[in-house]
Amino acid sequence: MKSHIALLLTGACSVLCAPANISPRQNSACFIVGNQVLPAETATIAADIQSRITCSTSRRTLSGVPDVTSGGISFSSINFANSDQTSLQFALSQFATATPLRNTDLAKFQSQLDVYLATEAGIRSVGGNLAIKVPKFFLQFQVSRIQTAQGNPPTAPGLQVDHLRDKVLKNAPRESQALLDEVRRLATVIA
């Protein structure tokens, strides 16, 4: 009888002694710092990557988003906004692959992409400027190329090389023709 009373009291306390106002935001990813509703695709990506991301408590990057790290790579170390180059120039030089393509370190590129995806989600959560889209799409494009060259091409239409090539080109209308042509050329190199 005493054990039943103790169990009942323990159960009651777990309900009554818990914090009364747990906000859904308290359980969200550390890089989601604003109140803006995220597009469904961005929210899904944020949920998928949050376990691979850590956030700095002292450094902020674009739109006040914490500096995020994945696989030992911090966004601040590959931040396109700190470059004198255009977004696409930066992406082409910073995120160049090995020759042959299949020898490229996929894990490194995935970590770089993860910090860009996390930062973009954080920017969207505060309604900030989305200039990050060109290097982010370029990284997705490179990851898709690497996966394809390594014999594991993405099956989702939105993650295939040609689709991502088009996303890069669409989001880089002010870039030089030579840079756009280089993206087109890279899309043909998938072995």
N, C-alpha and C. Protein backbone atom coordinates (compact mmCIF):
# COMPACT_ATOMS: atom_id res chain seq x y z
N MET A 1 0.82 -1.19 0.00
CA MET A 1 0.00 0.00 0.00
C MET A 1 0.87 1.25 0.00
N LYS A 2 1.93 1.23 0.85
CA LYS A 2 2.81 2.40 0.92
C LYS A 2 3.47 2.65 -0.43
N SER A 3 3.83 1.57 -1.15
CA SER A 3 4.49 1.75 -2.44
C SER A 3 3.54 2.35 -3.46
N HIS A 4 2.25 2.02 -3.36
CA HIS A 4 1.27 2.60 -4.28
C HIS A 4 1.11 4.09 -4.02
N ILE A 5 1.11 4.49 -2.76
CA ILE A 5 0.98 5.91 -2.41
C ILE A 5 2.22 6.67 -2.88
N ALA A 6 3.39 6.08 -2.66
CA ALA A 6 4.63 6.73 -3.10
C ALA A 6 4.65 6.89 -4.61
N LEU A 7 4.21 5.85 -5.33
CA LEU A 7 4.16 5.91 -6.78
C LEU A 7 3.17 6.98 -7.24
N LEU A 8 2.02 7.04 -6.60
CA LEU A 8 1.02 8.03 -6.93
C LEU A 8 1.56 9.44 -6.68
N LEU A 9 2.24 9.65 -5.58
CA LEU A 9 2.80 10.97 -5.28
C LEU A 9 3.92 11.34 -6.26
N THR A 10 4.73 10.37 -6.63
CA THR A 10 5.79 10.61 -7.61
C THR A 10 5.20 11.01 -8.95
N GLY A 11 4.17 10.30 -9.37
CA GLY A 11 3.51 10.62 -10.64
C GLY A 11 2.86 11.99 -10.59
N ALA A 12 2.21 12.31 -9.49
CA ALA A 12 1.57 13.63 -9.36
C ALA A 12 2.61 14.73 -9.39
N CYS A 13 3.73 14.51 -8.73
CA CYS A 13 4.78 15.53 -8.71
C CYS A 13 5.37 15.72 -10.10
N SER A 14 5.51 14.63 -10.85
CA SER A 14 6.10 14.79 -12.18
C SER A 14 5.23 15.65 -13.06
N VAL A 15 3.93 15.67 -12.82
CA VAL A 15 3.02 16.53 -13.57
C VAL A 15 2.98 17.92 -12.96
N LEU A 16 2.79 17.99 -11.64
CA LEU A 16 2.60 19.27 -10.97
C LEU A 16 3.91 20.03 -10.73
N CYS A 17 5.01 19.33 -10.59
CA CYS A 17 6.27 19.99 -10.28
C CYS A 17 7.03 20.42 -11.55
N ALA A 18 6.56 20.02 -12.70
CA ALA A 18 7.23 20.38 -13.96
C ALA A 18 7.00 21.86 -14.25
N PRO A 19 7.90 22.49 -15.00
CA PRO A 19 7.69 23.88 -15.36
C PRO A 19 6.37 24.04 -16.10
N ALA A 20 5.65 25.10 -15.78
CA ALA A 20 4.31 25.30 -16.33
C ALA A 20 4.33 25.78 -17.78
N ASN A 21 5.28 26.59 -18.15
CA ASN A 21 5.26 27.19 -19.48
C ASN A 21 6.49 26.81 -20.28
N ILE A 22 6.49 25.63 -20.86
CA ILE A 22 7.60 25.22 -21.71
C ILE A 22 7.25 25.66 -23.13
N SER A 23 8.03 26.56 -23.64
CA SER A 23 7.81 27.08 -24.97
C SER A 23 8.36 26.12 -26.01
N PRO A 24 7.65 25.96 -27.15
CA PRO A 24 8.20 25.11 -28.21
C PRO A 24 9.57 25.62 -28.68
N ARG A 25 9.83 26.90 -28.59
CA ARG A 25 11.09 27.49 -29.01
C ARG A 25 12.25 26.99 -28.14
N GLN A 26 11.96 26.63 -26.88
CA GLN A 26 13.01 26.14 -26.00
C GLN A 26 13.55 24.80 -26.49
N ASN A 27 12.76 24.09 -27.25
CA ASN A 27 13.17 22.78 -27.75
C ASN A 27 13.68 22.85 -29.18
N SER A 28 13.79 24.05 -29.75
CA SER A 28 14.19 24.16 -31.14
C SER A 28 15.71 24.19 -31.27
N ALA A 29 16.15 24.13 -32.50
CA ALA A 29 17.58 24.14 -32.80
C ALA A 29 18.21 25.44 -32.30
N CYS A 30 19.46 25.36 -31.85
CA CYS A 30 20.15 26.51 -31.28
C CYS A 30 20.35 27.64 -32.29
N PHE A 31 20.29 27.34 -33.57
CA PHE A 31 20.51 28.37 -34.60
C PHE A 31 19.23 29.07 -35.02
N ILE A 32 18.08 28.61 -34.55
CA ILE A 32 16.80 29.27 -34.83
C ILE A 32 16.60 30.31 -33.74
N VAL A 33 16.93 31.56 -34.04
CA VAL A 33 16.95 32.59 -33.02
C VAL A 33 15.81 33.59 -33.12
N GLY A 34 15.05 33.51 -34.19
CA GLY A 34 13.95 34.46 -34.38
C GLY A 34 12.59 33.82 -34.27
N ASN A 35 11.58 34.62 -34.57
CA ASN A 35 10.20 34.17 -34.43
C ASN A 35 9.48 33.94 -35.76
N GLN A 36 10.15 34.21 -36.87
CA GLN A 36 9.50 34.04 -38.17
C GLN A 36 9.22 32.56 -38.43
N VAL A 37 8.07 32.28 -39.00
CA VAL A 37 7.72 30.91 -39.37
C VAL A 37 8.60 30.51 -40.55
N LEU A 38 9.24 29.37 -40.43
CA LEU A 38 10.12 28.88 -41.49
C LEU A 38 9.31 28.19 -42.57
N PRO A 39 9.74 28.33 -43.83
CA PRO A 39 9.11 27.52 -44.88
C PRO A 39 9.24 26.04 -44.51
N ALA A 40 8.30 25.22 -44.95
CA ALA A 40 8.28 23.80 -44.57
C ALA A 40 9.60 23.10 -44.89
N GLU A 41 10.15 23.36 -46.07
CA GLU A 41 11.41 22.70 -46.45
C GLU A 41 12.54 23.08 -45.51
N THR A 42 12.61 24.37 -45.15
CA THR A 42 13.65 24.85 -44.24
C THR A 42 13.47 24.25 -42.85
N ALA A 43 12.23 24.18 -42.39
CA ALA A 43 11.95 23.60 -41.07
C ALA A 43 12.36 22.12 -41.03
N THR A 44 12.11 21.40 -42.11
CA THR A 44 12.49 19.99 -42.19
C THR A 44 14.01 19.85 -42.16
N ILE A 45 14.69 20.67 -42.94
CA ILE A 45 16.15 20.64 -42.97
C ILE A 45 16.72 20.96 -41.59
N ALA A 46 16.17 22.00 -40.95
CA ALA A 46 16.66 22.38 -39.61
C ALA A 46 16.51 21.23 -38.63
N ALA A 47 15.38 20.55 -38.68
CA ALA A 47 15.17 19.40 -37.78
C ALA A 47 16.15 18.27 -38.11
N ASP A 48 16.41 18.06 -39.40
CA ASP A 48 17.31 16.98 -39.81
C ASP A 48 18.76 17.21 -39.40
N ILE A 49 19.21 18.47 -39.41
CA ILE A 49 20.63 18.74 -39.15
C ILE A 49 20.93 19.16 -37.72
N GLN A 50 19.93 19.50 -36.94
CA GLN A 50 20.19 20.10 -35.63
C GLN A 50 21.07 19.24 -34.73
N SER A 51 21.02 17.93 -34.86
CA SER A 51 21.86 17.07 -34.01
C SER A 51 23.33 17.12 -34.42
N ARG A 52 23.61 17.60 -35.63
CA ARG A 52 25.00 17.68 -36.11
C ARG A 52 25.59 19.09 -35.93
N ILE A 53 24.81 20.00 -35.39
CA ILE A 53 25.21 21.41 -35.29
C ILE A 53 25.39 21.81 -33.84
N THR A 54 26.47 22.55 -33.57
CA THR A 54 26.62 23.22 -32.28
C THR A 54 26.68 24.72 -32.54
N CYS A 55 26.27 25.48 -31.57
CA CYS A 55 26.22 26.94 -31.72
C CYS A 55 27.14 27.61 -30.71
N SER A 56 27.85 28.61 -31.17
CA SER A 56 28.69 29.40 -30.29
C SER A 56 27.81 30.27 -29.40
N THR A 57 28.21 30.40 -28.16
CA THR A 57 27.48 31.29 -27.25
C THR A 57 28.08 32.69 -27.25
N SER A 58 29.20 32.86 -27.94
CA SER A 58 29.87 34.16 -27.91
C SER A 58 30.03 34.83 -29.29
N ARG A 59 29.94 34.06 -30.37
CA ARG A 59 30.14 34.64 -31.70
C ARG A 59 28.84 34.61 -32.50
N ARG A 60 28.58 35.72 -33.17
CA ARG A 60 27.40 35.83 -34.05
C ARG A 60 27.89 36.08 -35.47
N THR A 61 27.09 35.64 -36.44
CA THR A 61 27.44 35.85 -37.83
C THR A 61 26.32 36.65 -38.50
N LEU A 62 25.88 36.23 -39.64
CA LEU A 62 24.88 36.96 -40.42
C LEU A 62 23.56 37.09 -39.68
N SER A 63 22.98 38.27 -39.70
CA SER A 63 21.67 38.55 -39.09
C SER A 63 21.59 38.15 -37.62
N GLY A 64 22.73 38.12 -36.93
CA GLY A 64 22.75 37.78 -35.51
C GLY A 64 22.64 36.30 -35.20
N VAL A 65 22.77 35.46 -36.23
CA VAL A 65 22.71 34.01 -36.03
C VAL A 65 24.01 33.56 -35.36
N PRO A 66 23.93 32.68 -34.37
CA PRO A 66 25.17 32.20 -33.74
C PRO A 66 26.09 31.54 -34.77
N ASP A 67 27.38 31.63 -34.53
CA ASP A 67 28.33 30.92 -35.37
C ASP A 67 28.10 29.43 -35.12
N VAL A 68 27.80 28.69 -36.18
CA VAL A 68 27.48 27.27 -36.05
C VAL A 68 28.65 26.42 -36.52
N THR A 69 28.76 25.23 -35.94
CA THR A 69 29.85 24.30 -36.28
C THR A 69 29.27 22.92 -36.53
N SER A 70 29.84 22.24 -37.53
CA SER A 70 29.51 20.85 -37.83
C SER A 70 30.77 20.17 -38.34
N GLY A 71 31.06 19.00 -37.81
CA GLY A 71 32.23 18.26 -38.26
C GLY A 71 33.52 19.03 -38.16
N GLY A 72 33.63 19.89 -37.15
CA GLY A 72 34.84 20.69 -36.95
C GLY A 72 34.93 21.93 -37.83
N ILE A 73 33.91 22.21 -38.63
CA ILE A 73 33.92 23.38 -39.52
C ILE A 73 32.91 24.40 -39.01
N SER A 74 33.39 25.62 -38.76
CA SER A 74 32.52 26.70 -38.31
C SER A 74 32.13 27.57 -39.49
N PHE A 75 30.91 28.07 -39.45
CA PHE A 75 30.45 28.95 -40.53
C PHE A 75 31.38 30.14 -40.68
N SER A 76 31.84 30.71 -39.58
CA SER A 76 32.69 31.90 -39.65
C SER A 76 33.97 31.65 -40.43
N SER A 77 34.43 30.40 -40.51
CA SER A 77 35.66 30.10 -41.24
C SER A 77 35.44 30.00 -42.75
N ILE A 78 34.17 29.91 -43.17
CA ILE A 78 33.85 29.82 -44.60
C ILE A 78 32.71 30.76 -44.97
N ASN A 79 32.64 31.89 -44.29
CA ASN A 79 31.57 32.87 -44.48
C ASN A 79 31.82 33.69 -45.74
N PHE A 80 30.98 33.53 -46.73
CA PHE A 80 31.11 34.25 -48.00
C PHE A 80 31.05 35.76 -47.81
N ALA A 81 30.32 36.21 -46.80
CA ALA A 81 30.13 37.65 -46.59
C ALA A 81 31.41 38.34 -46.14
N ASN A 82 32.40 37.59 -45.68
CA ASN A 82 33.68 38.17 -45.27
C ASN A 82 34.67 38.27 -46.42
N SER A 83 34.24 37.90 -47.61
CA SER A 83 35.12 37.89 -48.78
C SER A 83 34.91 39.14 -49.64
N ASP A 84 35.96 39.53 -50.35
CA ASP A 84 35.84 40.63 -51.32
C ASP A 84 35.28 40.13 -52.64
N GLN A 85 35.13 38.82 -52.78
CA GLN A 85 34.63 38.24 -54.02
C GLN A 85 33.10 38.26 -54.04
N THR A 86 32.54 38.07 -55.24
CA THR A 86 31.09 37.88 -55.32
C THR A 86 30.76 36.54 -54.68
N SER A 87 29.49 36.33 -54.41
CA SER A 87 29.07 35.07 -53.77
C SER A 87 29.48 33.86 -54.60
N LEU A 88 29.29 33.92 -55.92
CA LEU A 88 29.62 32.78 -56.76
C LEU A 88 31.12 32.62 -56.93
N GLN A 89 31.86 33.73 -57.04
CA GLN A 89 33.33 33.63 -57.10
C GLN A 89 33.84 32.94 -55.84
N PHE A 90 33.33 33.37 -54.70
CA PHE A 90 33.73 32.79 -53.43
C PHE A 90 33.42 31.29 -53.41
N ALA A 91 32.20 30.93 -53.79
CA ALA A 91 31.79 29.53 -53.76
C ALA A 91 32.67 28.68 -54.67
N LEU A 92 32.93 29.17 -55.87
CA LEU A 92 33.76 28.40 -56.82
C LEU A 92 35.18 28.20 -56.30
N SER A 93 35.72 29.20 -55.64
CA SER A 93 37.10 29.07 -55.15
C SER A 93 37.16 28.32 -53.81
N GLN A 94 36.25 28.61 -52.90
CA GLN A 94 36.27 28.00 -51.57
C GLN A 94 35.83 26.54 -51.58
N PHE A 95 34.88 26.21 -52.43
CA PHE A 95 34.28 24.88 -52.41
C PHE A 95 34.63 24.09 -53.68
N ALA A 96 35.89 24.20 -54.09
CA ALA A 96 36.38 23.44 -55.24
C ALA A 96 36.58 21.99 -54.84
N THR A 97 36.36 21.11 -55.78
CA THR A 97 36.48 19.67 -55.53
C THR A 97 37.83 19.15 -56.03
N ALA A 98 38.12 17.92 -55.67
CA ALA A 98 39.36 17.25 -56.10
C ALA A 98 39.20 16.74 -57.53
N THR A 99 40.33 16.43 -58.12
CA THR A 99 40.35 15.76 -59.42
C THR A 99 41.09 14.45 -59.23
N PRO A 100 40.45 13.33 -59.50
CA PRO A 100 39.08 13.16 -59.96
C PRO A 100 38.06 13.46 -58.86
N LEU A 101 36.88 13.84 -59.29
CA LEU A 101 35.81 14.25 -58.39
C LEU A 101 35.52 13.21 -57.31
N ARG A 102 35.56 11.92 -57.66
CA ARG A 102 35.21 10.86 -56.70
C ARG A 102 36.16 10.82 -55.50
N ASN A 103 37.34 11.47 -55.60
CA ASN A 103 38.30 11.49 -54.50
C ASN A 103 38.05 12.63 -53.51
N THR A 104 37.02 13.41 -53.74
CA THR A 104 36.70 14.54 -52.86
C THR A 104 36.13 14.02 -51.54
N ASP A 105 36.48 14.69 -50.46
CA ASP A 105 36.03 14.33 -49.11
C ASP A 105 34.57 14.74 -48.92
N LEU A 106 33.66 13.80 -49.12
CA LEU A 106 32.23 14.07 -49.01
C LEU A 106 31.85 14.56 -47.62
N ALA A 107 32.42 13.97 -46.58
CA ALA A 107 32.07 14.36 -45.20
C ALA A 107 32.39 15.83 -44.95
N LYS A 108 33.52 16.29 -45.47
CA LYS A 108 33.89 17.70 -45.31
C LYS A 108 32.88 18.61 -46.01
N PHE A 109 32.53 18.25 -47.23
CA PHE A 109 31.55 19.06 -47.97
C PHE A 109 30.19 19.03 -47.29
N GLN A 110 29.81 17.87 -46.72
CA GLN A 110 28.53 17.79 -46.02
C GLN A 110 28.55 18.68 -44.78
N SER A 111 29.66 18.72 -44.06
CA SER A 111 29.76 19.60 -42.88
C SER A 111 29.69 21.06 -43.30
N GLN A 112 30.35 21.42 -44.39
CA GLN A 112 30.28 22.78 -44.89
C GLN A 112 28.84 23.13 -45.27
N LEU A 113 28.18 22.20 -45.95
CA LEU A 113 26.78 22.43 -46.32
C LEU A 113 25.91 22.56 -45.07
N ASP A 114 26.12 21.72 -44.08
CA ASP A 114 25.32 21.77 -42.86
C ASP A 114 25.40 23.14 -42.19
N VAL A 115 26.59 23.73 -42.12
CA VAL A 115 26.68 25.05 -41.45
C VAL A 115 26.02 26.13 -42.30
N TYR A 116 26.04 25.99 -43.60
CA TYR A 116 25.32 26.94 -44.46
C TYR A 116 23.81 26.76 -44.31
N LEU A 117 23.34 25.52 -44.27
CA LEU A 117 21.91 25.27 -44.09
C LEU A 117 21.42 25.79 -42.74
N ALA A 118 22.20 25.56 -41.69
CA ALA A 118 21.82 26.03 -40.35
C ALA A 118 21.78 27.56 -40.31
N THR A 119 22.79 28.18 -40.89
CA THR A 119 22.83 29.65 -40.89
C THR A 119 21.67 30.21 -41.69
N GLU A 120 21.37 29.60 -42.83
CA GLU A 120 20.23 30.08 -43.62
C GLU A 120 18.93 29.95 -42.83
N ALA A 121 18.74 28.83 -42.14
CA ALA A 121 17.53 28.66 -41.32
C ALA A 121 17.45 29.73 -40.24
N GLY A 122 18.60 30.01 -39.61
CA GLY A 122 18.63 31.08 -38.60
C GLY A 122 18.29 32.43 -39.19
N ILE A 123 18.83 32.72 -40.37
CA ILE A 123 18.53 33.99 -41.04
C ILE A 123 17.05 34.08 -41.35
N ARG A 124 16.48 33.00 -41.86
CA ARG A 124 15.05 32.99 -42.17
C ARG A 124 14.21 33.18 -40.91
N SER A 125 14.69 32.67 -39.77
CA SER A 125 13.93 32.79 -38.53
C SER A 125 13.84 34.23 -38.03
N VAL A 126 14.75 35.09 -38.50
CA VAL A 126 14.71 36.50 -38.12
C VAL A 126 14.27 37.39 -39.28
N GLY A 127 13.95 36.79 -40.41
CA GLY A 127 13.53 37.58 -41.57
C GLY A 127 14.68 38.35 -42.20
N GLY A 128 15.89 37.80 -42.13
CA GLY A 128 17.08 38.49 -42.63
C GLY A 128 17.30 38.33 -44.12
N ASN A 129 18.38 38.95 -44.60
CA ASN A 129 18.77 38.94 -46.01
C ASN A 129 19.24 37.55 -46.42
N LEU A 130 18.74 37.09 -47.56
CA LEU A 130 19.04 35.72 -48.01
C LEU A 130 20.13 35.65 -49.08
N ALA A 131 21.10 36.54 -49.01
CA ALA A 131 22.22 36.49 -49.95
C ALA A 131 22.99 35.19 -49.83
N ILE A 132 22.79 34.45 -48.76
CA ILE A 132 23.47 33.17 -48.53
C ILE A 132 23.05 32.09 -49.53
N LYS A 133 21.98 32.32 -50.26
CA LYS A 133 21.43 31.27 -51.12
C LYS A 133 22.40 30.81 -52.22
N VAL A 134 23.16 31.71 -52.82
CA VAL A 134 24.06 31.31 -53.90
C VAL A 134 25.12 30.32 -53.40
N PRO A 135 25.90 30.65 -52.36
CA PRO A 135 26.88 29.66 -51.90
C PRO A 135 26.23 28.40 -51.32
N LYS A 136 25.06 28.54 -50.70
CA LYS A 136 24.38 27.36 -50.16
C LYS A 136 23.95 26.43 -51.27
N PHE A 137 23.32 26.96 -52.32
CA PHE A 137 22.93 26.11 -53.45
C PHE A 137 24.16 25.53 -54.14
N PHE A 138 25.24 26.31 -54.22
CA PHE A 138 26.45 25.79 -54.84
C PHE A 138 26.99 24.60 -54.03
N LEU A 139 26.97 24.71 -52.71
CA LEU A 139 27.42 23.59 -51.88
C LEU A 139 26.52 22.36 -52.06
N GLN A 140 25.21 22.57 -52.14
CA GLN A 140 24.31 21.45 -52.40
C GLN A 140 24.64 20.81 -53.74
N PHE A 141 24.92 21.64 -54.73
CA PHE A 141 25.30 21.19 -56.07
C PHE A 141 26.58 20.36 -56.00
N GLN A 142 27.58 20.83 -55.26
CA GLN A 142 28.84 20.11 -55.13
C GLN A 142 28.65 18.77 -54.41
N VAL A 143 27.87 18.77 -53.35
CA VAL A 143 27.60 17.52 -52.63
C VAL A 143 26.93 16.52 -53.57
N SER A 144 25.98 16.98 -54.36
CA SER A 144 25.30 16.10 -55.31
C SER A 144 26.27 15.55 -56.35
N ARG A 145 27.15 16.40 -56.85
CA ARG A 145 28.16 15.95 -57.82
C ARG A 145 29.07 14.89 -57.21
N ILE A 146 29.52 15.13 -55.98
CA ILE A 146 30.41 14.19 -55.30
C ILE A 146 29.70 12.85 -55.08
N GLN A 147 28.47 12.91 -54.58
CA GLN A 147 27.71 11.68 -54.35
C GLN A 147 27.55 10.89 -55.66
N THR A 148 27.25 11.60 -56.73
CA THR A 148 27.08 10.96 -58.04
C THR A 148 28.39 10.31 -58.49
N ALA A 149 29.48 11.04 -58.36
CA ALA A 149 30.79 10.52 -58.77
C ALA A 149 31.20 9.31 -57.92
N GLN A 150 30.76 9.28 -56.68
CA GLN A 150 31.11 8.17 -55.78
C GLN A 150 30.12 7.00 -55.88
N GLY A 151 29.23 7.07 -56.89
CA GLY A 151 28.32 5.96 -57.15
C GLY A 151 27.05 5.95 -56.31
N ASN A 152 26.74 7.07 -55.65
CA ASN A 152 25.55 7.15 -54.82
C ASN A 152 24.77 8.42 -55.14
N PRO A 153 24.26 8.52 -56.39
CA PRO A 153 23.56 9.75 -56.77
C PRO A 153 22.27 9.94 -55.97
N PRO A 154 21.95 11.18 -55.62
CA PRO A 154 20.70 11.43 -54.90
C PRO A 154 19.51 11.00 -55.76
N THR A 155 18.49 10.46 -55.12
CA THR A 155 17.30 10.04 -55.86
C THR A 155 16.20 11.11 -55.85
N ALA A 156 16.21 11.98 -54.86
CA ALA A 156 15.20 13.04 -54.81
C ALA A 156 15.46 14.04 -55.94
N PRO A 157 14.43 14.36 -56.72
CA PRO A 157 14.62 15.27 -57.85
C PRO A 157 15.25 16.61 -57.45
N GLY A 158 14.89 17.14 -56.29
CA GLY A 158 15.41 18.42 -55.85
C GLY A 158 16.87 18.40 -55.44
N LEU A 159 17.47 17.22 -55.35
CA LEU A 159 18.87 17.11 -54.95
C LEU A 159 19.77 16.63 -56.08
N GLN A 160 19.23 16.52 -57.28
CA GLN A 160 20.03 16.06 -58.40
C GLN A 160 20.83 17.20 -59.01
N VAL A 161 21.95 16.85 -59.63
CA VAL A 161 22.92 17.83 -60.13
C VAL A 161 22.28 18.87 -61.03
N ASP A 162 21.51 18.47 -62.02
CA ASP A 162 20.94 19.43 -62.97
C ASP A 162 19.98 20.41 -62.28
N HIS A 163 19.18 19.90 -61.38
CA HIS A 163 18.24 20.78 -60.65
C HIS A 163 19.02 21.81 -59.82
N LEU A 164 20.05 21.35 -59.12
CA LEU A 164 20.82 22.26 -58.28
C LEU A 164 21.65 23.24 -59.11
N ARG A 165 22.15 22.81 -60.26
CA ARG A 165 22.81 23.73 -61.20
C ARG A 165 21.85 24.88 -61.53
N ASP A 166 20.61 24.53 -61.84
CA ASP A 166 19.62 25.55 -62.19
C ASP A 166 19.32 26.47 -61.01
N LYS A 167 19.32 25.94 -59.80
CA LYS A 167 19.09 26.77 -58.60
C LYS A 167 20.22 27.78 -58.42
N VAL A 168 21.45 27.32 -58.62
CA VAL A 168 22.60 28.24 -58.52
C VAL A 168 22.46 29.35 -59.56
N LEU A 169 22.22 28.96 -60.80
CA LEU A 169 22.13 29.94 -61.89
C LEU A 169 20.97 30.92 -61.67
N LYS A 170 19.84 30.43 -61.24
CA LYS A 170 18.67 31.29 -61.01
C LYS A 170 18.94 32.33 -59.92
N ASN A 171 19.68 31.93 -58.90
CA ASN A 171 19.92 32.83 -57.77
C ASN A 171 21.16 33.71 -57.96
N ALA A 172 21.83 33.58 -59.09
CA ALA A 172 23.05 34.36 -59.35
C ALA A 172 22.93 35.18 -60.65
N PRO A 173 21.84 35.91 -60.83
CA PRO A 173 21.65 36.60 -62.11
C PRO A 173 22.64 37.72 -62.39
N ARG A 174 23.27 38.25 -61.36
CA ARG A 174 24.20 39.38 -61.54
C ARG A 174 25.65 38.93 -61.67
N GLU A 175 25.89 37.63 -61.62
CA GLU A 175 27.25 37.11 -61.74
C GLU A 175 27.70 37.15 -63.20
N SER A 176 29.00 37.14 -63.40
CA SER A 176 29.53 37.21 -64.76
C SER A 176 29.19 35.95 -65.55
N GLN A 177 29.13 36.10 -66.87
CA GLN A 177 28.84 34.97 -67.73
C GLN A 177 29.89 33.88 -67.58
N ALA A 178 31.14 34.26 -67.38
CA ALA A 178 32.21 33.28 -67.22
C ALA A 178 31.98 32.40 -65.98
N LEU A 179 31.52 33.00 -64.88
CA LEU A 179 31.25 32.22 -63.67
C LEU A 179 30.06 31.30 -63.86
N LEU A 180 29.02 31.81 -64.51
CA LEU A 180 27.83 30.99 -64.77
C LEU A 180 28.18 29.82 -65.69
N ASP A 181 29.02 30.10 -66.68
CA ASP A 181 29.45 29.04 -67.59
C ASP A 181 30.28 27.98 -66.86
N GLU A 182 31.06 28.40 -65.87
CA GLU A 182 31.84 27.44 -65.09
C GLU A 182 30.92 26.50 -64.30
N VAL A 183 29.83 27.04 -63.76
CA VAL A 183 28.86 26.19 -63.06
C VAL A 183 28.25 25.19 -64.04
N ARG A 184 27.90 25.66 -65.23
CA ARG A 184 27.35 24.76 -66.26
C ARG A 184 28.37 23.66 -66.61
N ARG A 185 29.63 24.03 -66.74
CA ARG A 185 30.67 23.05 -67.06
C ARG A 185 30.82 22.02 -65.96
N LEU A 186 30.85 22.49 -64.71
CA LEU A 186 30.99 21.57 -63.58
C LEU A 186 29.84 20.56 -63.53
N ALA A 187 28.66 20.98 -63.94
CA ALA A 187 27.50 20.08 -63.92
C ALA A 187 27.69 18.89 -64.85
N THR A 188 28.58 19.02 -65.82
CA THR A 188 28.84 17.92 -66.75
C THR A 188 29.94 16.99 -66.25
N VAL A 189 30.64 17.39 -65.19
CA VAL A 189 31.73 16.59 -64.63
C VAL A 189 31.20 15.87 -63.40
N ILE A 190 30.74 14.64 -63.60
CA ILE A 190 30.13 13.90 -62.48
C ILE A 190 30.72 12.50 -62.35
N ALA A 191 31.94 12.34 -62.83
CA ALA A 191 32.60 11.04 -62.71
C ALA A 191 33.94 11.20 -62.02
